[in-house]
Amino acid sequence: MTESKKTLMDLDITKKPISSGELAELGGRKLVYIRAIPASDVLDDLNDEFGAAEIDIEADATLYSVHASDGERIALVGDRDLAFAAARQYEMNPVSVH
């Protein structure tokens, strides 16, 4: 007696949207996302507790934000190549998002 092979048509596959939590778990802490952002979007985050700028950066400059798979920003870097190199140095797998 021979078993018939199942094809994709025979499988009962229901498409279910993936939740943001499930998406975050896919890469764990090893997958990080790098995206370009205008410095003006994060200037307030670069101030010390007294409101003074910790670093001098132009508002129209481009920074690169490194995010964990759960969306948490873990770094701001001034150079795209440096953002990727830093992620790899910490044994993370960087991917670019737009």
PDB file of N, CA and C in Angstrom:
ATOM      1  N   MET A   1       0.846  -1.167   0.000  1.00  0.00           N
ATOM      2  CA  MET A   1       0.000   0.000   0.000  1.00  0.00           C
ATOM      3  C   MET A   1       0.898   1.238   0.000  1.00  0.00           C
ATOM      4  N   THR A   2       0.640   2.164  -0.885  1.00  0.00           N
ATOM      5  CA  THR A   2       1.473   3.350  -0.979  1.00  0.00           C
ATOM      6  C   THR A   2       0.752   4.537  -0.376  1.00  0.00           C
ATOM      7  N   GLU A   3       1.539   5.372   0.280  1.00  0.00           N
ATOM      8  CA  GLU A   3       0.984   6.602   0.855  1.00  0.00           C
ATOM      9  C   GLU A   3       0.988   7.676  -0.201  1.00  0.00           C
ATOM     10  N   SER A   4      -0.076   8.416  -0.267  1.00  0.00           N
ATOM     11  CA  SER A   4      -0.081   9.514  -1.225  1.00  0.00           C
ATOM     12  C   SER A   4       0.601  10.718  -0.591  1.00  0.00           C
ATOM     13  N   LYS A   5       1.341  11.446  -1.385  1.00  0.00           N
ATOM     14  CA  LYS A   5       2.018  12.637  -0.897  1.00  0.00           C
ATOM     15  C   LYS A   5       1.021  13.778  -0.829  1.00  0.00           C
ATOM     16  N   LYS A   6       1.140  14.558   0.227  1.00  0.00           N
ATOM     17  CA  LYS A   6       0.289  15.727   0.352  1.00  0.00           C
ATOM     18  C   LYS A   6       0.901  16.879  -0.416  1.00  0.00           C
ATOM     19  N   THR A   7       0.078  17.622  -1.057  1.00  0.00           N
ATOM     20  CA  THR A   7       0.530  18.823  -1.740  1.00  0.00           C
ATOM     21  C   THR A   7       0.106  20.023  -0.914  1.00  0.00           C
ATOM     22  N   LEU A   8       0.590  21.177  -1.303  1.00  0.00           N
ATOM     23  CA  LEU A   8       0.194  22.392  -0.601  1.00  0.00           C
ATOM     24  C   LEU A   8      -1.305  22.604  -0.648  1.00  0.00           C
ATOM     25  N   MET A   9      -1.932  22.148  -1.704  1.00  0.00           N
ATOM     26  CA  MET A   9      -3.382  22.301  -1.832  1.00  0.00           C
ATOM     27  C   MET A   9      -4.120  21.454  -0.793  1.00  0.00           C
ATOM     28  N   ASP A  10      -3.493  20.364  -0.363  1.00  0.00           N
ATOM     29  CA  ASP A  10      -4.134  19.464   0.592  1.00  0.00           C
ATOM     30  C   ASP A  10      -4.005  19.940   2.032  1.00  0.00           C
ATOM     31  N   LEU A  11      -3.056  20.808   2.286  1.00  0.00           N
ATOM     32  CA  LEU A  11      -2.825  21.251   3.651  1.00  0.00           C
ATOM     33  C   LEU A  11      -3.841  22.305   4.062  1.00  0.00           C
ATOM     34  N   ASP A  12      -4.253  22.235   5.289  1.00  0.00           N
ATOM     35  CA  ASP A  12      -5.199  23.220   5.824  1.00  0.00           C
ATOM     36  C   ASP A  12      -4.394  24.338   6.481  1.00  0.00           C
ATOM     37  N   ILE A  13      -4.056  25.333   5.704  1.00  0.00           N
ATOM     38  CA  ILE A  13      -3.263  26.445   6.207  1.00  0.00           C
ATOM     39  C   ILE A  13      -4.158  27.673   6.275  1.00  0.00           C
ATOM     40  N   THR A  14      -4.299  28.190   7.459  1.00  0.00           N
ATOM     41  CA  THR A  14      -5.069  29.420   7.609  1.00  0.00           C
ATOM     42  C   THR A  14      -4.100  30.555   7.877  1.00  0.00           C
ATOM     43  N   LYS A  15      -4.290  31.643   7.179  1.00  0.00           N
ATOM     44  CA  LYS A  15      -3.406  32.790   7.366  1.00  0.00           C
ATOM     45  C   LYS A  15      -3.869  33.579   8.570  1.00  0.00           C
ATOM     46  N   LYS A  16      -2.952  33.769   9.468  1.00  0.00           N
ATOM     47  CA  LYS A  16      -3.243  34.531  10.676  1.00  0.00           C
ATOM     48  C   LYS A  16      -2.226  35.653  10.755  1.00  0.00           C
ATOM     49  N   PRO A  17      -2.683  36.880  10.940  1.00  0.00           N
ATOM     50  CA  PRO A  17      -1.702  37.964  11.045  1.00  0.00           C
ATOM     51  C   PRO A  17      -0.799  37.761  12.262  1.00  0.00           C
ATOM     52  N   ILE A  18       0.446  38.145  12.079  1.00  0.00           N
ATOM     53  CA  ILE A  18       1.391  38.007  13.178  1.00  0.00           C
ATOM     54  C   ILE A  18       1.283  39.242  14.073  1.00  0.00           C
ATOM     55  N   SER A  19       1.295  39.010  15.361  1.00  0.00           N
ATOM     56  CA  SER A  19       1.201  40.126  16.304  1.00  0.00           C
ATOM     57  C   SER A  19       2.563  40.802  16.427  1.00  0.00           C
ATOM     58  N   SER A  20       2.571  42.029  16.947  1.00  0.00           N
ATOM     59  CA  SER A  20       3.836  42.734  17.120  1.00  0.00           C
ATOM     60  C   SER A  20       4.727  41.997  18.119  1.00  0.00           C
ATOM     61  N   GLY A  21       4.140  41.365  19.109  1.00  0.00           N
ATOM     62  CA  GLY A  21       4.922  40.591  20.077  1.00  0.00           C
ATOM     63  C   GLY A  21       5.575  39.381  19.431  1.00  0.00           C
ATOM     64  N   GLU A  22       4.823  38.682  18.577  1.00  0.00           N
ATOM     65  CA  GLU A  22       5.378  37.530  17.876  1.00  0.00           C
ATOM     66  C   GLU A  22       6.492  37.959  16.920  1.00  0.00           C
ATOM     67  N   LEU A  23       6.282  39.102  16.263  1.00  0.00           N
ATOM     68  CA  LEU A  23       7.300  39.620  15.362  1.00  0.00           C
ATOM     69  C   LEU A  23       8.575  39.956  16.125  1.00  0.00           C
ATOM     70  N   ALA A  24       8.434  40.553  17.291  1.00  0.00           N
ATOM     71  CA  ALA A  24       9.592  40.908  18.105  1.00  0.00           C
ATOM     72  C   ALA A  24      10.364  39.670  18.549  1.00  0.00           C
ATOM     73  N   GLU A  25       9.639  38.576  18.800  1.00  0.00           N
ATOM     74  CA  GLU A  25      10.293  37.353  19.256  1.00  0.00           C
ATOM     75  C   GLU A  25      11.031  36.620  18.148  1.00  0.00           C
ATOM     76  N   LEU A  26      10.702  36.910  16.886  1.00  0.00           N
ATOM     77  CA  LEU A  26      11.340  36.209  15.779  1.00  0.00           C
ATOM     78  C   LEU A  26      12.851  36.360  15.799  1.00  0.00           C
ATOM     79  N   GLY A  27      13.309  37.574  16.014  1.00  0.00           N
ATOM     80  CA  GLY A  27      14.744  37.805  15.989  1.00  0.00           C
ATOM     81  C   GLY A  27      15.399  37.794  17.347  1.00  0.00           C
ATOM     82  N   GLY A  28      14.603  37.809  18.392  1.00  0.00           N
ATOM     83  CA  GLY A  28      15.170  37.889  19.723  1.00  0.00           C
ATOM     84  C   GLY A  28      16.017  39.140  19.853  1.00  0.00           C
ATOM     85  N   ARG A  29      17.048  39.099  20.650  1.00  0.00           N
ATOM     86  CA  ARG A  29      17.932  40.255  20.814  1.00  0.00           C
ATOM     87  C   ARG A  29      19.040  40.247  19.759  1.00  0.00           C
ATOM     88  N   LYS A  30      19.085  39.262  18.923  1.00  0.00           N
ATOM     89  CA  LYS A  30      20.141  39.175  17.922  1.00  0.00           C
ATOM     90  C   LYS A  30      19.828  40.005  16.673  1.00  0.00           C
ATOM     91  N   LEU A  31      18.573  40.229  16.374  1.00  0.00           N
ATOM     92  CA  LEU A  31      18.178  40.979  15.186  1.00  0.00           C
ATOM     93  C   LEU A  31      17.929  42.431  15.572  1.00  0.00           C
ATOM     94  N   VAL A  32      18.612  43.358  14.894  1.00  0.00           N
ATOM     95  CA  VAL A  32      18.403  44.775  15.146  1.00  0.00           C
ATOM     96  C   VAL A  32      18.090  45.473  13.829  1.00  0.00           C
ATOM     97  N   TYR A  33      17.338  46.545  13.938  1.00  0.00           N
ATOM     98  CA  TYR A  33      16.910  47.305  12.777  1.00  0.00           C
ATOM     99  C   TYR A  33      17.592  48.664  12.796  1.00  0.00           C
ATOM    100  N   ILE A  34      18.092  49.071  11.655  1.00  0.00           N
ATOM    101  CA  ILE A  34      18.770  50.355  11.545  1.00  0.00           C
ATOM    102  C   ILE A  34      18.017  51.205  10.534  1.00  0.00           C
ATOM    103  N   ARG A  35      17.697  52.430  10.956  1.00  0.00           N
ATOM    104  CA  ARG A  35      17.006  53.324  10.032  1.00  0.00           C
ATOM    105  C   ARG A  35      17.517  54.743  10.185  1.00  0.00           C
ATOM    106  N   ALA A  36      17.494  55.463   9.073  1.00  0.00           N
ATOM    107  CA  ALA A  36      17.915  56.861   9.064  1.00  0.00           C
ATOM    108  C   ALA A  36      16.802  57.715   9.654  1.00  0.00           C
ATOM    109  N   ILE A  37      17.186  58.661  10.489  1.00  0.00           N
ATOM    110  CA  ILE A  37      16.222  59.600  11.060  1.00  0.00           C
ATOM    111  C   ILE A  37      16.819  60.996  11.073  1.00  0.00           C
ATOM    112  N   PRO A  38      15.984  62.014  10.922  1.00  0.00           N
ATOM    113  CA  PRO A  38      16.512  63.379  11.035  1.00  0.00           C
ATOM    114  C   PRO A  38      16.858  63.668  12.498  1.00  0.00           C
ATOM    115  N   ALA A  39      17.962  64.349  12.711  1.00  0.00           N
ATOM    116  CA  ALA A  39      18.381  64.683  14.073  1.00  0.00           C
ATOM    117  C   ALA A  39      17.310  65.482  14.799  1.00  0.00           C
ATOM    118  N   SER A  40      16.545  66.285  14.063  1.00  0.00           N
ATOM    119  CA  SER A  40      15.500  67.099  14.687  1.00  0.00           C
ATOM    120  C   SER A  40      14.462  66.240  15.413  1.00  0.00           C
ATOM    121  N   ASP A  41      14.303  64.982  14.996  1.00  0.00           N
ATOM    122  CA  ASP A  41      13.345  64.082  15.656  1.00  0.00           C
ATOM    123  C   ASP A  41      13.805  63.634  17.037  1.00  0.00           C
ATOM    124  N   VAL A  42      15.101  63.717  17.302  1.00  0.00           N
ATOM    125  CA  VAL A  42      15.618  63.185  18.570  1.00  0.00           C
ATOM    126  C   VAL A  42      16.413  64.208  19.383  1.00  0.00           C
ATOM    127  N   LEU A  43      16.419  65.469  18.956  1.00  0.00           N
ATOM    128  CA  LEU A  43      17.209  66.479  19.675  1.00  0.00           C
ATOM    129  C   LEU A  43      16.828  66.569  21.150  1.00  0.00           C
ATOM    130  N   ASP A  44      15.549  66.456  21.468  1.00  0.00           N
ATOM    131  CA  ASP A  44      15.127  66.508  22.867  1.00  0.00           C
ATOM    132  C   ASP A  44      15.707  65.351  23.686  1.00  0.00           C
ATOM    133  N   ASP A  45      15.911  64.213  23.041  1.00  0.00           N
ATOM    134  CA  ASP A  45      16.479  63.051  23.732  1.00  0.00           C
ATOM    135  C   ASP A  45      17.974  63.220  24.006  1.00  0.00           C
ATOM    136  N   LEU A  46      18.589  64.195  23.351  1.00  0.00           N
ATOM    137  CA  LEU A  46      20.035  64.386  23.483  1.00  0.00           C
ATOM    138  C   LEU A  46      20.387  65.479  24.484  1.00  0.00           C
ATOM    139  N   ASN A  47      19.399  65.909  25.269  1.00  0.00           N
ATOM    140  CA  ASN A  47      19.629  66.930  26.293  1.00  0.00           C
ATOM    141  C   ASN A  47      19.891  66.281  27.643  1.00  0.00           C
ATOM    142  N   ASP A  48      20.683  66.954  28.461  1.00  0.00           N
ATOM    143  CA  ASP A  48      20.925  66.453  29.813  1.00  0.00           C
ATOM    144  C   ASP A  48      19.727  66.806  30.703  1.00  0.00           C
ATOM    145  N   GLU A  49      19.826  66.501  31.977  1.00  0.00           N
ATOM    146  CA  GLU A  49      18.706  66.705  32.897  1.00  0.00           C
ATOM    147  C   GLU A  49      18.330  68.177  33.078  1.00  0.00           C
ATOM    148  N   PHE A  50      19.216  69.090  32.678  1.00  0.00           N
ATOM    149  CA  PHE A  50      18.946  70.524  32.813  1.00  0.00           C
ATOM    150  C   PHE A  50      18.461  71.147  31.502  1.00  0.00           C
ATOM    151  N   GLY A  51      18.334  70.334  30.469  1.00  0.00           N
ATOM    152  CA  GLY A  51      17.853  70.821  29.178  1.00  0.00           C
ATOM    153  C   GLY A  51      18.940  71.305  28.248  1.00  0.00           C
ATOM    154  N   ALA A  52      20.186  71.187  28.667  1.00  0.00           N
ATOM    155  CA  ALA A  52      21.303  71.604  27.815  1.00  0.00           C
ATOM    156  C   ALA A  52      21.695  70.441  26.894  1.00  0.00           C
ATOM    157  N   ALA A  53      22.069  70.784  25.675  1.00  0.00           N
ATOM    158  CA  ALA A  53      22.465  69.761  24.707  1.00  0.00           C
ATOM    159  C   ALA A  53      23.738  69.062  25.164  1.00  0.00           C
ATOM    160  N   GLU A  54      23.705  67.734  25.160  1.00  0.00           N
ATOM    161  CA  GLU A  54      24.886  66.947  25.525  1.00  0.00           C
ATOM    162  C   GLU A  54      25.896  66.905  24.384  1.00  0.00           C
ATOM    163  N   ILE A  55      25.392  66.971  23.156  1.00  0.00           N
ATOM    164  CA  ILE A  55      26.272  67.011  21.995  1.00  0.00           C
ATOM    165  C   ILE A  55      25.792  68.111  21.064  1.00  0.00           C
ATOM    166  N   ASP A  56      26.694  68.634  20.278  1.00  0.00           N
ATOM    167  CA  ASP A  56      26.350  69.692  19.336  1.00  0.00           C
ATOM    168  C   ASP A  56      26.106  69.056  17.977  1.00  0.00           C
ATOM    169  N   ILE A  57      24.849  69.092  17.534  1.00  0.00           N
ATOM    170  CA  ILE A  57      24.503  68.487  16.258  1.00  0.00           C
ATOM    171  C   ILE A  57      23.480  69.371  15.552  1.00  0.00           C
ATOM    172  N   GLU A  58      23.623  69.488  14.259  1.00  0.00           N
ATOM    173  CA  GLU A  58      22.695  70.292  13.469  1.00  0.00           C
ATOM    174  C   GLU A  58      21.348  69.585  13.370  1.00  0.00           C
ATOM    175  N   ALA A  59      20.262  70.348  13.425  1.00  0.00           N
ATOM    176  CA  ALA A  59      18.912  69.775  13.366  1.00  0.00           C
ATOM    177  C   ALA A  59      18.638  69.078  12.039  1.00  0.00           C
ATOM    178  N   ASP A  60      19.320  69.504  10.963  1.00  0.00           N
ATOM    179  CA  ASP A  60      19.070  68.882   9.662  1.00  0.00           C
ATOM    180  C   ASP A  60      20.015  67.718   9.362  1.00  0.00           C
ATOM    181  N   ALA A  61      20.827  67.329  10.337  1.00  0.00           N
ATOM    182  CA  ALA A  61      21.734  66.187  10.161  1.00  0.00           C
ATOM    183  C   ALA A  61      20.940  64.890  10.144  1.00  0.00           C
ATOM    184  N   THR A  62      21.525  63.860   9.553  1.00  0.00           N
ATOM    185  CA  THR A  62      20.913  62.531   9.535  1.00  0.00           C
ATOM    186  C   THR A  62      21.642  61.651  10.538  1.00  0.00           C
ATOM    187  N   LEU A  63      20.880  61.016  11.399  1.00  0.00           N
ATOM    188  CA  LEU A  63      21.417  60.042  12.351  1.00  0.00           C
ATOM    189  C   LEU A  63      20.884  58.667  11.977  1.00  0.00           C
ATOM    190  N   TYR A  64      21.462  57.644  12.556  1.00  0.00           N
ATOM    191  CA  TYR A  64      21.015  56.274  12.310  1.00  0.00           C
ATOM    192  C   TYR A  64      20.631  55.662  13.647  1.00  0.00           C
ATOM    193  N   SER A  65      19.381  55.271  13.720  1.00  0.00           N
ATOM    194  CA  SER A  65      18.818  54.732  14.942  1.00  0.00           C
ATOM    195  C   SER A  65      18.854  53.208  14.882  1.00  0.00           C
ATOM    196  N   VAL A  66      19.399  52.602  15.917  1.00  0.00           N
ATOM    197  CA  VAL A  66      19.474  51.147  16.009  1.00  0.00           C
ATOM    198  C   VAL A  66      18.403  50.696  16.989  1.00  0.00           C
ATOM    199  N   HIS A  67      17.515  49.815  16.522  1.00  0.00           N
ATOM    200  CA  HIS A  67      16.389  49.358  17.337  1.00  0.00           C
ATOM    201  C   HIS A  67      16.444  47.851  17.546  1.00  0.00           C
ATOM    202  N   ALA A  68      16.108  47.431  18.762  1.00  0.00           N
ATOM    203  CA  ALA A  68      15.948  46.006  19.053  1.00  0.00           C
ATOM    204  C   ALA A  68      14.689  45.521  18.331  1.00  0.00           C
ATOM    205  N   SER A  69      14.514  44.227  18.247  1.00  0.00           N
ATOM    206  CA  SER A  69      13.374  43.669  17.521  1.00  0.00           C
ATOM    207  C   SER A  69      12.033  44.053  18.139  1.00  0.00           C
ATOM    208  N   ASP A  70      12.033  44.475  19.410  1.00  0.00           N
ATOM    209  CA  ASP A  70      10.784  44.903  20.036  1.00  0.00           C
ATOM    210  C   ASP A  70      10.512  46.394  19.811  1.00  0.00           C
ATOM    211  N   GLY A  71      11.384  47.073  19.050  1.00  0.00           N
ATOM    212  CA  GLY A  71      11.196  48.483  18.744  1.00  0.00           C
ATOM    213  C   GLY A  71      11.958  49.434  19.645  1.00  0.00           C
ATOM    214  N   GLU A  72      12.537  48.936  20.720  1.00  0.00           N
ATOM    215  CA  GLU A  72      13.282  49.793  21.641  1.00  0.00           C
ATOM    216  C   GLU A  72      14.530  50.341  20.954  1.00  0.00           C
ATOM    217  N   ARG A  73      14.716  51.664  21.018  1.00  0.00           N
ATOM    218  CA  ARG A  73      15.927  52.250  20.454  1.00  0.00           C
ATOM    219  C   ARG A  73      17.079  51.956  21.402  1.00  0.00           C
ATOM    220  N   ILE A  74      18.136  51.367  20.874  1.00  0.00           N
ATOM    221  CA  ILE A  74      19.272  51.007  21.716  1.00  0.00           C
ATOM    222  C   ILE A  74      20.518  51.831  21.397  1.00  0.00           C
ATOM    223  N   ALA A  75      20.495  52.567  20.277  1.00  0.00           N
ATOM    224  CA  ALA A  75      21.648  53.409  19.953  1.00  0.00           C
ATOM    225  C   ALA A  75      21.280  54.446  18.906  1.00  0.00           C
ATOM    226  N   LEU A  76      22.001  55.555  18.944  1.00  0.00           N
ATOM    227  CA  LEU A  76      21.968  56.567  17.894  1.00  0.00           C
ATOM    228  C   LEU A  76      23.390  56.733  17.401  1.00  0.00           C
ATOM    229  N   VAL A  77      23.568  56.669  16.095  1.00  0.00           N
ATOM    230  CA  VAL A  77      24.896  56.723  15.513  1.00  0.00           C
ATOM    231  C   VAL A  77      24.884  57.743  14.376  1.00  0.00           C
ATOM    232  N   GLY A  78      25.990  58.416  14.175  1.00  0.00           N
ATOM    233  CA  GLY A  78      26.064  59.442  13.153  1.00  0.00           C
ATOM    234  C   GLY A  78      26.431  58.939  11.777  1.00  0.00           C
ATOM    235  N   ASP A  79      26.741  57.646  11.638  1.00  0.00           N
ATOM    236  CA  ASP A  79      27.182  57.096  10.363  1.00  0.00           C
ATOM    237  C   ASP A  79      26.552  55.718  10.165  1.00  0.00           C
ATOM    238  N   ARG A  80      26.005  55.480   8.970  1.00  0.00           N
ATOM    239  CA  ARG A  80      25.316  54.219   8.683  1.00  0.00           C
ATOM    240  C   ARG A  80      26.261  53.016   8.810  1.00  0.00           C
ATOM    241  N   ASP A  81      27.433  53.120   8.196  1.00  0.00           N
ATOM    242  CA  ASP A  81      28.386  52.003   8.251  1.00  0.00           C
ATOM    243  C   ASP A  81      28.809  51.696   9.681  1.00  0.00           C
ATOM    244  N   LEU A  82      28.968  52.737  10.483  1.00  0.00           N
ATOM    245  CA  LEU A  82      29.338  52.553  11.883  1.00  0.00           C
ATOM    246  C   LEU A  82      28.212  51.858  12.657  1.00  0.00           C
ATOM    247  N   ALA A  83      26.968  52.188  12.342  1.00  0.00           N
ATOM    248  CA  ALA A  83      25.826  51.538  13.009  1.00  0.00           C
ATOM    249  C   ALA A  83      25.830  50.037  12.736  1.00  0.00           C
ATOM    250  N   PHE A  84      26.074  49.656  11.482  1.00  0.00           N
ATOM    251  CA  PHE A  84      26.125  48.235  11.129  1.00  0.00           C
ATOM    252  C   PHE A  84      27.328  47.550  11.780  1.00  0.00           C
ATOM    253  N   ALA A  85      28.480  48.213  11.762  1.00  0.00           N
ATOM    254  CA  ALA A  85      29.693  47.627  12.356  1.00  0.00           C
ATOM    255  C   ALA A  85      29.534  47.439  13.858  1.00  0.00           C
ATOM    256  N   ALA A  86      28.937  48.419  14.523  1.00  0.00           N
ATOM    257  CA  ALA A  86      28.741  48.314  15.974  1.00  0.00           C
ATOM    258  C   ALA A  86      27.796  47.165  16.303  1.00  0.00           C
ATOM    259  N   ALA A  87      26.733  47.016  15.533  1.00  0.00           N
ATOM    260  CA  ALA A  87      25.791  45.921  15.782  1.00  0.00           C
ATOM    261  C   ALA A  87      26.494  44.577  15.621  1.00  0.00           C
ATOM    262  N   ARG A  88      27.275  44.442  14.574  1.00  0.00           N
ATOM    263  CA  ARG A  88      27.984  43.176  14.345  1.00  0.00           C
ATOM    264  C   ARG A  88      29.020  42.907  15.435  1.00  0.00           C
ATOM    265  N   GLN A  89      29.654  43.978  15.941  1.00  0.00           N
ATOM    266  CA  GLN A  89      30.646  43.816  17.007  1.00  0.00           C
ATOM    267  C   GLN A  89      30.003  43.208  18.250  1.00  0.00           C
ATOM    268  N   TYR A  90      28.734  43.518  18.478  1.00  0.00           N
ATOM    269  CA  TYR A  90      28.013  42.963  19.628  1.00  0.00           C
ATOM    270  C   TYR A  90      27.230  41.708  19.254  1.00  0.00           C
ATOM    271  N   GLU A  91      27.646  41.071  18.149  1.00  0.00           N
ATOM    272  CA  GLU A  91      27.087  39.802  17.687  1.00  0.00           C
ATOM    273  C   GLU A  91      25.594  39.905  17.395  1.00  0.00           C
ATOM    274  N   MET A  92      25.179  41.044  16.852  1.00  0.00           N
ATOM    275  CA  MET A  92      23.802  41.237  16.430  1.00  0.00           C
ATOM    276  C   MET A  92      23.750  41.191  14.912  1.00  0.00           C
ATOM    277  N   ASN A  93      22.580  40.935  14.379  1.00  0.00           N
ATOM    278  CA  ASN A  93      22.377  40.863  12.932  1.00  0.00           C
ATOM    279  C   ASN A  93      21.585  42.093  12.500  1.00  0.00           C
ATOM    280  N   PRO A  94      22.259  43.110  11.957  1.00  0.00           N
ATOM    281  CA  PRO A  94      21.557  44.334  11.570  1.00  0.00           C
ATOM    282  C   PRO A  94      20.879  44.215  10.217  1.00  0.00           C
ATOM    283  N   VAL A  95      19.691  44.825  10.120  1.00  0.00           N
ATOM    284  CA  VAL A  95      18.990  44.943   8.843  1.00  0.00           C
ATOM    285  C   VAL A  95      18.532  46.385   8.716  1.00  0.00           C
ATOM    286  N   SER A  96      18.442  46.831   7.489  1.00  0.00           N
ATOM    287  CA  SER A  96      18.056  48.209   7.219  1.00  0.00           C
ATOM    288  C   SER A  96      16.544  48.281   7.014  1.00  0.00           C
ATOM    289  N   VAL A  97      15.933  49.291   7.589  1.00  0.00           N
ATOM    290  CA  VAL A  97      14.514  49.554   7.341  1.00  0.00           C
ATOM    291  C   VAL A  97      14.372  50.983   6.850  1.00  0.00           C
ATOM    292  N   HIS A  98      13.330  51.210   6.084  1.00  0.00           N
ATOM    293  CA  HIS A  98      13.135  52.536   5.502  1.00  0.00           C
ATOM    294  C   HIS A  98      11.887  53.170   6.041  1.00  0.00           C
TER     295      HIS A  98
END
